[in-house]
Amino acid sequence: MMERRSYKTSITINNRRIKHVVIDPHYELKHSDTISDSLIMELVSLLDGGDFTPEVVSKGFEYYTTDNLLLRNKRYRLIWLIEKTELYIGVINAYRRKS
């Protein structure tokens, strides 16, 4: 099984300073032909300055789905989380939208 990868960043989400992005390799099972860690980092940077409402809050984690992120004229969906007491965003999955 592949391990999660961590990258440094400096963005603000929900008025919280985020210092790391942790990417789960789950996206590679079905989307490795169109998604990469570097593309995910670009998508995450689009969240900078945003204020998002979690879809689910459970056991100290807030879960989000951001749909229709536009990057180079292509739309993407990003499924991510924030642990309430930490300074990172965890990317669960990402894929290109067919629209």
C-alpha atoms as a PDB file:
ATOM      1  CA  MET A   1       0.000   0.000   0.000  1.00  0.00           C
ATOM      2  CA  MET A   2       1.269   3.444  -0.886  1.00  0.00           C
ATOM      3  CA  GLU A   3       1.848   5.974   1.833  1.00  0.00           C
ATOM      4  CA  ARG A   4       0.481   9.468   2.189  1.00  0.00           C
ATOM      5  CA  ARG A   5       2.743  12.260   1.022  1.00  0.00           C
ATOM      6  CA  SER A   6       3.183  15.610   2.729  1.00  0.00           C
ATOM      7  CA  TYR A   7       4.071  18.961   1.153  1.00  0.00           C
ATOM      8  CA  LYS A   8       4.671  22.385   2.650  1.00  0.00           C
ATOM      9  CA  THR A   9       2.284  25.195   1.813  1.00  0.00           C
ATOM     10  CA  SER A  10       1.254  28.580   3.115  1.00  0.00           C
ATOM     11  CA  ILE A  11      -2.443  29.181   2.590  1.00  0.00           C
ATOM     12  CA  THR A  12      -5.400  30.312   4.664  1.00  0.00           C
ATOM     13  CA  ILE A  13      -8.649  28.356   4.767  1.00  0.00           C
ATOM     14  CA  ASN A  14     -11.540  29.296   7.059  1.00  0.00           C
ATOM     15  CA  ASN A  15      -9.272  31.938   8.635  1.00  0.00           C
ATOM     16  CA  ARG A  16      -6.785  29.215   9.647  1.00  0.00           C
ATOM     17  CA  ARG A  17      -3.192  29.230   8.470  1.00  0.00           C
ATOM     18  CA  ILE A  18      -2.452  25.909   6.753  1.00  0.00           C
ATOM     19  CA  LYS A  19       1.198  24.835   6.647  1.00  0.00           C
ATOM     20  CA  HIS A  20       1.044  21.338   5.108  1.00  0.00           C
ATOM     21  CA  VAL A  21      -0.933  19.373   2.575  1.00  0.00           C
ATOM     22  CA  VAL A  22      -1.151  15.616   3.110  1.00  0.00           C
ATOM     23  CA  ILE A  23      -2.183  13.735  -0.019  1.00  0.00           C
ATOM     24  CA  ASP A  24      -3.691  10.274   0.196  1.00  0.00           C
ATOM     25  CA  PRO A  25      -2.648   8.149  -2.803  1.00  0.00           C
ATOM     26  CA  HIS A  26      -6.253   6.930  -3.231  1.00  0.00           C
ATOM     27  CA  TYR A  27      -6.678   9.044  -6.385  1.00  0.00           C
ATOM     28  CA  GLU A  28      -4.023   6.942  -8.132  1.00  0.00           C
ATOM     29  CA  LEU A  29      -6.333   3.898  -8.245  1.00  0.00           C
ATOM     30  CA  LYS A  30      -8.594   5.416 -10.898  1.00  0.00           C
ATOM     31  CA  HIS A  31      -7.352   8.891 -11.772  1.00  0.00           C
ATOM     32  CA  SER A  32      -3.571   8.726 -12.169  1.00  0.00           C
ATOM     33  CA  ASP A  33      -3.856   9.460 -15.888  1.00  0.00           C
ATOM     34  CA  THR A  34      -5.314  12.940 -15.206  1.00  0.00           C
ATOM     35  CA  ILE A  35      -4.292  13.740 -11.607  1.00  0.00           C
ATOM     36  CA  SER A  36      -0.894  14.115  -9.928  1.00  0.00           C
ATOM     37  CA  ASP A  37       0.395  15.449  -6.627  1.00  0.00           C
ATOM     38  CA  SER A  38       1.526  18.666  -8.339  1.00  0.00           C
ATOM     39  CA  LEU A  39      -1.933  19.169  -9.862  1.00  0.00           C
ATOM     40  CA  ILE A  40      -3.530  18.562  -6.463  1.00  0.00           C
ATOM     41  CA  MET A  41      -1.229  21.194  -4.967  1.00  0.00           C
ATOM     42  CA  GLU A  42      -2.417  23.654  -7.621  1.00  0.00           C
ATOM     43  CA  LEU A  43      -6.039  22.817  -6.808  1.00  0.00           C
ATOM     44  CA  VAL A  44      -5.405  23.257  -3.083  1.00  0.00           C
ATOM     45  CA  SER A  45      -3.886  26.685  -3.758  1.00  0.00           C
ATOM     46  CA  LEU A  46      -7.249  27.695  -5.295  1.00  0.00           C
ATOM     47  CA  LEU A  47      -8.794  27.215  -1.830  1.00  0.00           C
ATOM     48  CA  ASP A  48      -6.549  29.958  -0.387  1.00  0.00           C
ATOM     49  CA  GLY A  49      -8.561  32.683   1.318  1.00  0.00           C
ATOM     50  CA  GLY A  50     -11.792  30.714   1.086  1.00  0.00           C
ATOM     51  CA  ASP A  51     -14.404  30.153   3.740  1.00  0.00           C
ATOM     52  CA  PHE A  52     -15.962  26.714   3.468  1.00  0.00           C
ATOM     53  CA  THR A  53     -18.721  24.935   5.365  1.00  0.00           C
ATOM     54  CA  PRO A  54     -17.937  21.322   6.274  1.00  0.00           C
ATOM     55  CA  GLU A  55     -20.285  18.661   4.974  1.00  0.00           C
ATOM     56  CA  VAL A  56     -19.530  16.370   7.910  1.00  0.00           C
ATOM     57  CA  VAL A  57     -17.889  16.941  11.279  1.00  0.00           C
ATOM     58  CA  SER A  58     -16.784  13.772  13.023  1.00  0.00           C
ATOM     59  CA  LYS A  59     -14.218  12.875  15.692  1.00  0.00           C
ATOM     60  CA  GLY A  60     -12.254  16.116  15.359  1.00  0.00           C
ATOM     61  CA  PHE A  61     -12.258  16.159  11.548  1.00  0.00           C
ATOM     62  CA  GLU A  62     -14.149  18.457   9.189  1.00  0.00           C
ATOM     63  CA  TYR A  63     -14.853  16.939   5.756  1.00  0.00           C
ATOM     64  CA  TYR A  64     -15.350  19.003   2.599  1.00  0.00           C
ATOM     65  CA  THR A  65     -16.095  18.524  -1.087  1.00  0.00           C
ATOM     66  CA  THR A  66     -15.215  21.385  -3.390  1.00  0.00           C
ATOM     67  CA  ASP A  67     -16.763  20.967  -6.784  1.00  0.00           C
ATOM     68  CA  ASN A  68     -16.021  22.737 -10.034  1.00  0.00           C
ATOM     69  CA  LEU A  69     -12.543  24.024  -9.248  1.00  0.00           C
ATOM     70  CA  LEU A  70     -11.394  25.549 -12.521  1.00  0.00           C
ATOM     71  CA  LEU A  71      -7.767  25.088 -13.546  1.00  0.00           C
ATOM     72  CA  ARG A  72      -6.513  25.562 -17.126  1.00  0.00           C
ATOM     73  CA  ASN A  73     -10.076  25.436 -18.482  1.00  0.00           C
ATOM     74  CA  LYS A  74     -10.763  22.081 -16.825  1.00  0.00           C
ATOM     75  CA  ARG A  75     -13.040  21.425 -13.862  1.00  0.00           C
ATOM     76  CA  TYR A  76     -12.070  19.294 -10.876  1.00  0.00           C
ATOM     77  CA  ARG A  77     -13.597  17.967  -7.672  1.00  0.00           C
ATOM     78  CA  LEU A  78     -11.466  17.953  -4.519  1.00  0.00           C
ATOM     79  CA  ILE A  79     -12.435  15.910  -1.461  1.00  0.00           C
ATOM     80  CA  TRP A  80     -10.504  17.054   1.584  1.00  0.00           C
ATOM     81  CA  LEU A  81     -10.465  17.436   5.344  1.00  0.00           C
ATOM     82  CA  ILE A  82      -9.096  19.591   8.115  1.00  0.00           C
ATOM     83  CA  GLU A  83      -8.310  18.211  11.543  1.00  0.00           C
ATOM     84  CA  LYS A  84      -9.670  20.794  13.984  1.00  0.00           C
ATOM     85  CA  THR A  85      -6.549  21.064  16.137  1.00  0.00           C
ATOM     86  CA  GLU A  86      -3.910  20.816  13.374  1.00  0.00           C
ATOM     87  CA  LEU A  87      -2.493  23.072  10.659  1.00  0.00           C
ATOM     88  CA  TYR A  88      -2.816  20.821   7.624  1.00  0.00           C
ATOM     89  CA  ILE A  89      -5.307  19.974   4.916  1.00  0.00           C
ATOM     90  CA  GLY A  90      -5.704  16.324   4.006  1.00  0.00           C
ATOM     91  CA  VAL A  91      -6.660  15.517   0.424  1.00  0.00           C
ATOM     92  CA  ILE A  92      -8.714  12.335   0.290  1.00  0.00           C
ATOM     93  CA  ASN A  93      -9.406  12.293  -3.431  1.00  0.00           C
ATOM     94  CA  ALA A  94      -9.344  14.463  -6.536  1.00  0.00           C
ATOM     95  CA  TYR A  95     -10.614  13.926 -10.034  1.00  0.00           C
ATOM     96  CA  ARG A  96     -11.518  15.720 -13.189  1.00  0.00           C
ATOM     97  CA  ARG A  97     -15.179  16.592 -13.755  1.00  0.00           C
ATOM     98  CA  LYS A  98     -16.827  15.785 -17.052  1.00  0.00           C
ATOM     99  CA  SER A  99     -18.599  19.006 -17.925  1.00  0.00           C
END
